[in-house]
Amino acid sequence: MRLCSIDACNKPAKGRGWCAMHWRRWRTTGDPNTTNRTPLGEPQEYFKNVVLHHDHADCLFWPYGKSSGSAVLWNGTRMERVARMVCEHENGPAPTEAHEAAHSCGNGHLGCVSRFHLRWKTHAENMAEMIDHGRSQRGEKSTSAKLTSEQVIEIRSRRGTILQREMADEFGVANTTICKIQIGQRWEWLHDQN
């Protein structure tokens, strides 16, 4: 069994030759030997004294804990999304439990908590805005995409002129993928430009 490459650490190696603890420190701080622990209560003070009083139109990025890029803060019993707390402070309670704190700046994934950028939106409205900001991972941007937009347009234009299985072989995808593209169940947002 490989051991952690950090001196005097005899734990099993997990990633990059380090144990789980040193690997996690590297992911968090960029240095496997640094903990950079935040003093107790500092994020809560920052929230009260800086975030709630931020009066510039620019983004205000959360310098503390994040979950999938979104700013989070421990409220004493559980982690809460800071954007939701700020939105509630500025705009009142969410109209429904399903409403989300949406960022007009498009920088929520970077931890923006500016009170001027937040308002309540439904999930569908929030996702539509994400597309407008160019942050959607659909189509070619998806890591699992096998086709380009041009190929999808070509597949649609050739509907009825060639067998779907022949097109599937040509493009290296399943027959069902060709079918779903042609009937508009896949890449439905992409419309033929012709």
C-alpha atoms as a PDB file:
ATOM      1  CA  MET A   1       0.000   0.000   0.000  1.00  0.00           C
ATOM      2  CA  ARG A   2       1.277   3.459  -0.941  1.00  0.00           C
ATOM      3  CA  LEU A   3       1.586   5.950   1.903  1.00  0.00           C
ATOM      4  CA  CYS A   4       1.084   9.712   1.895  1.00  0.00           C
ATOM      5  CA  SER A   5       4.165  11.479   0.515  1.00  0.00           C
ATOM      6  CA  ILE A   6       4.010  14.225   3.191  1.00  0.00           C
ATOM      7  CA  ASP A   7       6.792  13.754   5.768  1.00  0.00           C
ATOM      8  CA  ALA A   8       5.733  12.019   9.006  1.00  0.00           C
ATOM      9  CA  CYS A   9       2.276  11.172   7.608  1.00  0.00           C
ATOM     10  CA  ASN A  10       1.809   7.424   7.476  1.00  0.00           C
ATOM     11  CA  LYS A  11      -1.772   7.364   6.218  1.00  0.00           C
ATOM     12  CA  PRO A  12      -2.699   5.576   2.961  1.00  0.00           C
ATOM     13  CA  ALA A  13      -2.357   7.703  -0.183  1.00  0.00           C
ATOM     14  CA  LYS A  14      -5.576   8.757  -1.915  1.00  0.00           C
ATOM     15  CA  GLY A  15      -4.786  11.260  -4.663  1.00  0.00           C
ATOM     16  CA  ARG A  16      -1.663  12.984  -5.986  1.00  0.00           C
ATOM     17  CA  GLY A  17       0.323  10.784  -3.586  1.00  0.00           C
ATOM     18  CA  TRP A  18      -1.309  12.323  -0.495  1.00  0.00           C
ATOM     19  CA  CYS A  19      -3.687  10.945   2.134  1.00  0.00           C
ATOM     20  CA  ALA A  20      -7.325  12.091   2.165  1.00  0.00           C
ATOM     21  CA  MET A  21      -6.616  14.904   4.669  1.00  0.00           C
ATOM     22  CA  HIS A  22      -3.670  16.390   2.757  1.00  0.00           C
ATOM     23  CA  TRP A  23      -5.476  15.983  -0.569  1.00  0.00           C
ATOM     24  CA  ARG A  24      -8.530  17.815   0.840  1.00  0.00           C
ATOM     25  CA  ARG A  25      -6.300  20.625   2.151  1.00  0.00           C
ATOM     26  CA  TRP A  26      -4.714  20.957  -1.286  1.00  0.00           C
ATOM     27  CA  ARG A  27      -8.159  21.131  -2.955  1.00  0.00           C
ATOM     28  CA  THR A  28      -9.344  23.768  -0.459  1.00  0.00           C
ATOM     29  CA  THR A  29      -6.256  25.952  -0.103  1.00  0.00           C
ATOM     30  CA  GLY A  30      -3.875  24.959  -2.901  1.00  0.00           C
ATOM     31  CA  ASP A  31      -1.319  23.685  -0.364  1.00  0.00           C
ATOM     32  CA  PRO A  32      -1.460  20.220   1.256  1.00  0.00           C
ATOM     33  CA  ASN A  33       0.239  21.521   4.424  1.00  0.00           C
ATOM     34  CA  THR A  34      -1.976  24.568   5.051  1.00  0.00           C
ATOM     35  CA  THR A  35      -5.261  24.419   6.899  1.00  0.00           C
ATOM     36  CA  ASN A  36      -6.211  28.116   6.704  1.00  0.00           C
ATOM     37  CA  ARG A  37      -8.955  27.628   9.262  1.00  0.00           C
ATOM     38  CA  THR A  38     -11.386  30.524   9.476  1.00  0.00           C
ATOM     39  CA  PRO A  39     -11.738  31.946  13.003  1.00  0.00           C
ATOM     40  CA  LEU A  40     -15.015  30.932  14.633  1.00  0.00           C
ATOM     41  CA  GLY A  41     -17.808  33.411  13.892  1.00  0.00           C
ATOM     42  CA  GLU A  42     -15.884  35.346  11.215  1.00  0.00           C
ATOM     43  CA  PRO A  43     -18.183  34.353   8.303  1.00  0.00           C
ATOM     44  CA  GLN A  44     -21.270  35.313  10.331  1.00  0.00           C
ATOM     45  CA  GLU A  45     -19.710  38.720  11.133  1.00  0.00           C
ATOM     46  CA  TYR A  46     -18.793  39.222   7.478  1.00  0.00           C
ATOM     47  CA  PHE A  47     -22.380  38.411   6.487  1.00  0.00           C
ATOM     48  CA  LYS A  48     -23.842  40.920   8.962  1.00  0.00           C
ATOM     49  CA  ASN A  49     -21.313  43.720   8.551  1.00  0.00           C
ATOM     50  CA  VAL A  50     -20.274  43.485   4.902  1.00  0.00           C
ATOM     51  CA  VAL A  51     -22.773  41.495   2.821  1.00  0.00           C
ATOM     52  CA  LEU A  52     -25.960  43.078   4.164  1.00  0.00           C
ATOM     53  CA  HIS A  53     -24.453  46.587   3.843  1.00  0.00           C
ATOM     54  CA  HIS A  54     -22.760  46.193   0.453  1.00  0.00           C
ATOM     55  CA  ASP A  55     -23.856  49.232  -1.563  1.00  0.00           C
ATOM     56  CA  HIS A  56     -22.010  48.882  -4.892  1.00  0.00           C
ATOM     57  CA  ALA A  57     -23.428  47.621  -8.178  1.00  0.00           C
ATOM     58  CA  ASP A  58     -20.423  45.295  -8.582  1.00  0.00           C
ATOM     59  CA  CYS A  59     -20.416  41.655  -7.550  1.00  0.00           C
ATOM     60  CA  LEU A  60     -19.456  40.864  -3.968  1.00  0.00           C
ATOM     61  CA  PHE A  61     -17.783  37.454  -3.826  1.00  0.00           C
ATOM     62  CA  TRP A  62     -18.097  35.321  -0.699  1.00  0.00           C
ATOM     63  CA  PRO A  63     -14.586  34.624   0.665  1.00  0.00           C
ATOM     64  CA  TYR A  64     -15.596  31.689   2.872  1.00  0.00           C
ATOM     65  CA  GLY A  65     -17.141  28.231   2.418  1.00  0.00           C
ATOM     66  CA  LYS A  66     -18.717  27.232  -0.870  1.00  0.00           C
ATOM     67  CA  SER A  67     -20.678  24.245  -2.092  1.00  0.00           C
ATOM     68  CA  SER A  68     -20.530  23.706  -5.864  1.00  0.00           C
ATOM     69  CA  GLY A  69     -19.404  27.330  -6.153  1.00  0.00           C
ATOM     70  CA  SER A  70     -22.367  28.728  -4.219  1.00  0.00           C
ATOM     71  CA  ALA A  71     -21.644  30.589  -0.993  1.00  0.00           C
ATOM     72  CA  VAL A  72     -22.733  28.739   2.156  1.00  0.00           C
ATOM     73  CA  LEU A  73     -22.868  29.713   5.827  1.00  0.00           C
ATOM     74  CA  TRP A  74     -23.415  27.645   8.972  1.00  0.00           C
ATOM     75  CA  ASN A  75     -26.505  28.976  10.776  1.00  0.00           C
ATOM     76  CA  GLY A  76     -25.933  26.983  13.959  1.00  0.00           C
ATOM     77  CA  THR A  77     -27.871  23.889  12.902  1.00  0.00           C
ATOM     78  CA  ARG A  78     -27.208  23.482   9.168  1.00  0.00           C
ATOM     79  CA  MET A  79     -25.498  24.988   6.142  1.00  0.00           C
ATOM     80  CA  GLU A  80     -27.547  27.591   4.276  1.00  0.00           C
ATOM     81  CA  ARG A  81     -26.995  29.229   0.915  1.00  0.00           C
ATOM     82  CA  VAL A  82     -25.912  32.820   1.505  1.00  0.00           C
ATOM     83  CA  ALA A  83     -27.612  34.039  -1.687  1.00  0.00           C
ATOM     84  CA  ARG A  84     -30.947  32.747  -0.389  1.00  0.00           C
ATOM     85  CA  MET A  85     -30.401  34.472   2.974  1.00  0.00           C
ATOM     86  CA  VAL A  86     -29.506  37.761   1.255  1.00  0.00           C
ATOM     87  CA  CYS A  87     -32.441  37.503  -1.158  1.00  0.00           C
ATOM     88  CA  GLU A  88     -34.816  36.929   1.747  1.00  0.00           C
ATOM     89  CA  HIS A  89     -33.341  39.907   3.616  1.00  0.00           C
ATOM     90  CA  GLU A  90     -33.707  42.197   0.581  1.00  0.00           C
ATOM     91  CA  ASN A  91     -36.908  40.888  -1.061  1.00  0.00           C
ATOM     92  CA  GLY A  92     -38.807  39.221   1.759  1.00  0.00           C
ATOM     93  CA  PRO A  93     -39.619  35.521   1.988  1.00  0.00           C
ATOM     94  CA  ALA A  94     -39.690  33.418  -1.174  1.00  0.00           C
ATOM     95  CA  PRO A  95     -43.146  33.362  -2.817  1.00  0.00           C
ATOM     96  CA  THR A  96     -43.038  29.552  -2.593  1.00  0.00           C
ATOM     97  CA  GLU A  97     -40.577  26.950  -1.289  1.00  0.00           C
ATOM     98  CA  ALA A  98     -39.737  26.139  -4.912  1.00  0.00           C
ATOM     99  CA  HIS A  99     -38.444  29.645  -5.682  1.00  0.00           C
ATOM    100  CA  GLU A 100     -34.675  30.134  -5.931  1.00  0.00           C
ATOM    101  CA  ALA A 101     -32.409  33.100  -5.338  1.00  0.00           C
ATOM    102  CA  ALA A 102     -31.385  34.034  -8.898  1.00  0.00           C
ATOM    103  CA  HIS A 103     -28.386  36.183  -9.835  1.00  0.00           C
ATOM    104  CA  SER A 104     -28.880  38.881 -12.482  1.00  0.00           C
ATOM    105  CA  CYS A 105     -25.079  39.044 -12.867  1.00  0.00           C
ATOM    106  CA  GLY A 106     -24.734  35.354 -13.744  1.00  0.00           C
ATOM    107  CA  ASN A 107     -22.000  34.892 -11.138  1.00  0.00           C
ATOM    108  CA  GLY A 108     -23.822  32.828  -8.533  1.00  0.00           C
ATOM    109  CA  HIS A 109     -21.569  29.876  -9.367  1.00  0.00           C
ATOM    110  CA  LEU A 110     -18.585  32.040  -8.363  1.00  0.00           C
ATOM    111  CA  GLY A 111     -20.104  32.940  -5.004  1.00  0.00           C
ATOM    112  CA  CYS A 112     -21.565  36.391  -5.722  1.00  0.00           C
ATOM    113  CA  VAL A 113     -23.713  37.555  -2.795  1.00  0.00           C
ATOM    114  CA  SER A 114     -24.437  41.150  -3.856  1.00  0.00           C
ATOM    115  CA  ARG A 115     -27.884  42.135  -2.625  1.00  0.00           C
ATOM    116  CA  PHE A 116     -28.454  44.145  -5.807  1.00  0.00           C
ATOM    117  CA  HIS A 117     -28.069  41.041  -7.988  1.00  0.00           C
ATOM    118  CA  LEU A 118     -30.538  38.741  -6.227  1.00  0.00           C
ATOM    119  CA  ARG A 119     -34.273  38.204  -6.719  1.00  0.00           C
ATOM    120  CA  TRP A 120     -36.723  35.305  -6.514  1.00  0.00           C
ATOM    121  CA  LYS A 121     -37.211  33.163  -9.621  1.00  0.00           C
ATOM    122  CA  THR A 122     -38.689  29.758 -10.329  1.00  0.00           C
ATOM    123  CA  HIS A 123     -36.255  27.003 -11.271  1.00  0.00           C
ATOM    124  CA  ALA A 124     -37.343  27.242 -14.924  1.00  0.00           C
ATOM    125  CA  GLU A 125     -36.781  31.027 -14.959  1.00  0.00           C
ATOM    126  CA  ASN A 126     -33.403  30.584 -13.267  1.00  0.00           C
ATOM    127  CA  MET A 127     -32.308  27.959 -15.821  1.00  0.00           C
ATOM    128  CA  ALA A 128     -33.477  30.154 -18.721  1.00  0.00           C
ATOM    129  CA  GLU A 129     -31.397  32.995 -17.293  1.00  0.00           C
ATOM    130  CA  MET A 130     -28.403  30.653 -16.992  1.00  0.00           C
ATOM    131  CA  ILE A 131     -28.703  29.990 -20.738  1.00  0.00           C
ATOM    132  CA  ASP A 132     -28.890  33.754 -21.400  1.00  0.00           C
ATOM    133  CA  HIS A 133     -25.678  34.205 -19.384  1.00  0.00           C
ATOM    134  CA  GLY A 134     -23.987  31.515 -21.503  1.00  0.00           C
ATOM    135  CA  ARG A 135     -23.458  29.172 -18.568  1.00  0.00           C
ATOM    136  CA  SER A 136     -25.538  26.237 -19.778  1.00  0.00           C
ATOM    137  CA  GLN A 137     -23.687  22.961 -20.367  1.00  0.00           C
ATOM    138  CA  ARG A 138     -26.108  21.752 -23.011  1.00  0.00           C
ATOM    139  CA  GLY A 139     -25.235  20.645 -26.512  1.00  0.00           C
ATOM    140  CA  GLU A 140     -21.564  20.693 -27.471  1.00  0.00           C
ATOM    141  CA  LYS A 141     -20.584  22.173 -24.107  1.00  0.00           C
ATOM    142  CA  SER A 142     -21.625  18.962 -22.382  1.00  0.00           C
ATOM    143  CA  THR A 143     -18.706  16.707 -21.560  1.00  0.00           C
ATOM    144  CA  SER A 144     -20.699  13.727 -22.828  1.00  0.00           C
ATOM    145  CA  ALA A 145     -21.675  15.284 -26.183  1.00  0.00           C
ATOM    146  CA  LYS A 146     -20.878  13.160 -29.235  1.00  0.00           C
ATOM    147  CA  LEU A 147     -22.373  15.521 -31.797  1.00  0.00           C
ATOM    148  CA  THR A 148     -21.903  19.144 -32.784  1.00  0.00           C
ATOM    149  CA  SER A 149     -24.686  21.617 -33.534  1.00  0.00           C
ATOM    150  CA  GLU A 150     -23.869  21.405 -37.246  1.00  0.00           C
ATOM    151  CA  GLN A 151     -24.201  17.610 -37.191  1.00  0.00           C
ATOM    152  CA  VAL A 152     -27.576  17.830 -35.438  1.00  0.00           C
ATOM    153  CA  ILE A 153     -28.833  20.295 -38.069  1.00  0.00           C
ATOM    154  CA  GLU A 154     -27.575  17.940 -40.792  1.00  0.00           C
ATOM    155  CA  ILE A 155     -29.305  14.945 -39.155  1.00  0.00           C
ATOM    156  CA  ARG A 156     -32.586  16.860 -39.107  1.00  0.00           C
ATOM    157  CA  SER A 157     -32.208  18.010 -42.706  1.00  0.00           C
ATOM    158  CA  ARG A 158     -31.643  14.422 -43.901  1.00  0.00           C
ATOM    159  CA  ARG A 159     -34.809  13.071 -42.269  1.00  0.00           C
ATOM    160  CA  GLY A 160     -36.537  10.646 -44.603  1.00  0.00           C
ATOM    161  CA  THR A 161     -33.673  10.528 -47.106  1.00  0.00           C
ATOM    162  CA  ILE A 162     -31.580   7.853 -45.363  1.00  0.00           C
ATOM    163  CA  LEU A 163     -32.283   5.107 -42.832  1.00  0.00           C
ATOM    164  CA  GLN A 164     -31.805   6.114 -39.208  1.00  0.00           C
ATOM    165  CA  ARG A 165     -29.504   3.155 -38.542  1.00  0.00           C
ATOM    166  CA  GLU A 166     -27.252   4.226 -41.439  1.00  0.00           C
ATOM    167  CA  MET A 167     -27.110   7.755 -40.037  1.00  0.00           C
ATOM    168  CA  ALA A 168     -26.417   6.351 -36.571  1.00  0.00           C
ATOM    169  CA  ASP A 169     -23.465   4.382 -37.949  1.00  0.00           C
ATOM    170  CA  GLU A 170     -22.215   7.420 -39.835  1.00  0.00           C
ATOM    171  CA  PHE A 171     -22.317   9.701 -36.769  1.00  0.00           C
ATOM    172  CA  GLY A 172     -21.311   7.068 -34.206  1.00  0.00           C
ATOM    173  CA  VAL A 173     -24.457   7.264 -32.073  1.00  0.00           C
ATOM    174  CA  ALA A 174     -27.420   4.997 -31.311  1.00  0.00           C
ATOM    175  CA  ASN A 175     -30.462   4.700 -33.600  1.00  0.00           C
ATOM    176  CA  THR A 176     -32.639   6.089 -30.808  1.00  0.00           C
ATOM    177  CA  THR A 177     -30.448   9.206 -30.640  1.00  0.00           C
ATOM    178  CA  ILE A 178     -31.045   9.893 -34.346  1.00  0.00           C
ATOM    179  CA  CYS A 179     -34.778   9.311 -33.894  1.00  0.00           C
ATOM    180  CA  LYS A 180     -35.023  11.615 -30.864  1.00  0.00           C
ATOM    181  CA  ILE A 181     -33.053  14.352 -32.629  1.00  0.00           C
ATOM    182  CA  GLN A 182     -35.302  14.162 -35.695  1.00  0.00           C
ATOM    183  CA  ILE A 183     -38.552  14.323 -33.714  1.00  0.00           C
ATOM    184  CA  GLY A 184     -37.253  17.106 -31.452  1.00  0.00           C
ATOM    185  CA  GLN A 185     -36.788  15.251 -28.174  1.00  0.00           C
ATOM    186  CA  ARG A 186     -33.014  15.813 -28.141  1.00  0.00           C
ATOM    187  CA  TRP A 187     -31.314  19.131 -28.883  1.00  0.00           C
ATOM    188  CA  GLU A 188     -34.850  20.564 -28.949  1.00  0.00           C
ATOM    189  CA  TRP A 189     -33.531  24.074 -28.309  1.00  0.00           C
ATOM    190  CA  LEU A 190     -31.453  23.998 -31.505  1.00  0.00           C
ATOM    191  CA  HIS A 191     -33.463  24.983 -34.544  1.00  0.00           C
ATOM    192  CA  ASP A 192     -32.446  24.592 -38.158  1.00  0.00           C
ATOM    193  CA  GLN A 193     -31.109  27.912 -39.394  1.00  0.00           C
ATOM    194  CA  ASN A 194     -32.184  27.258 -43.015  1.00  0.00           C
END
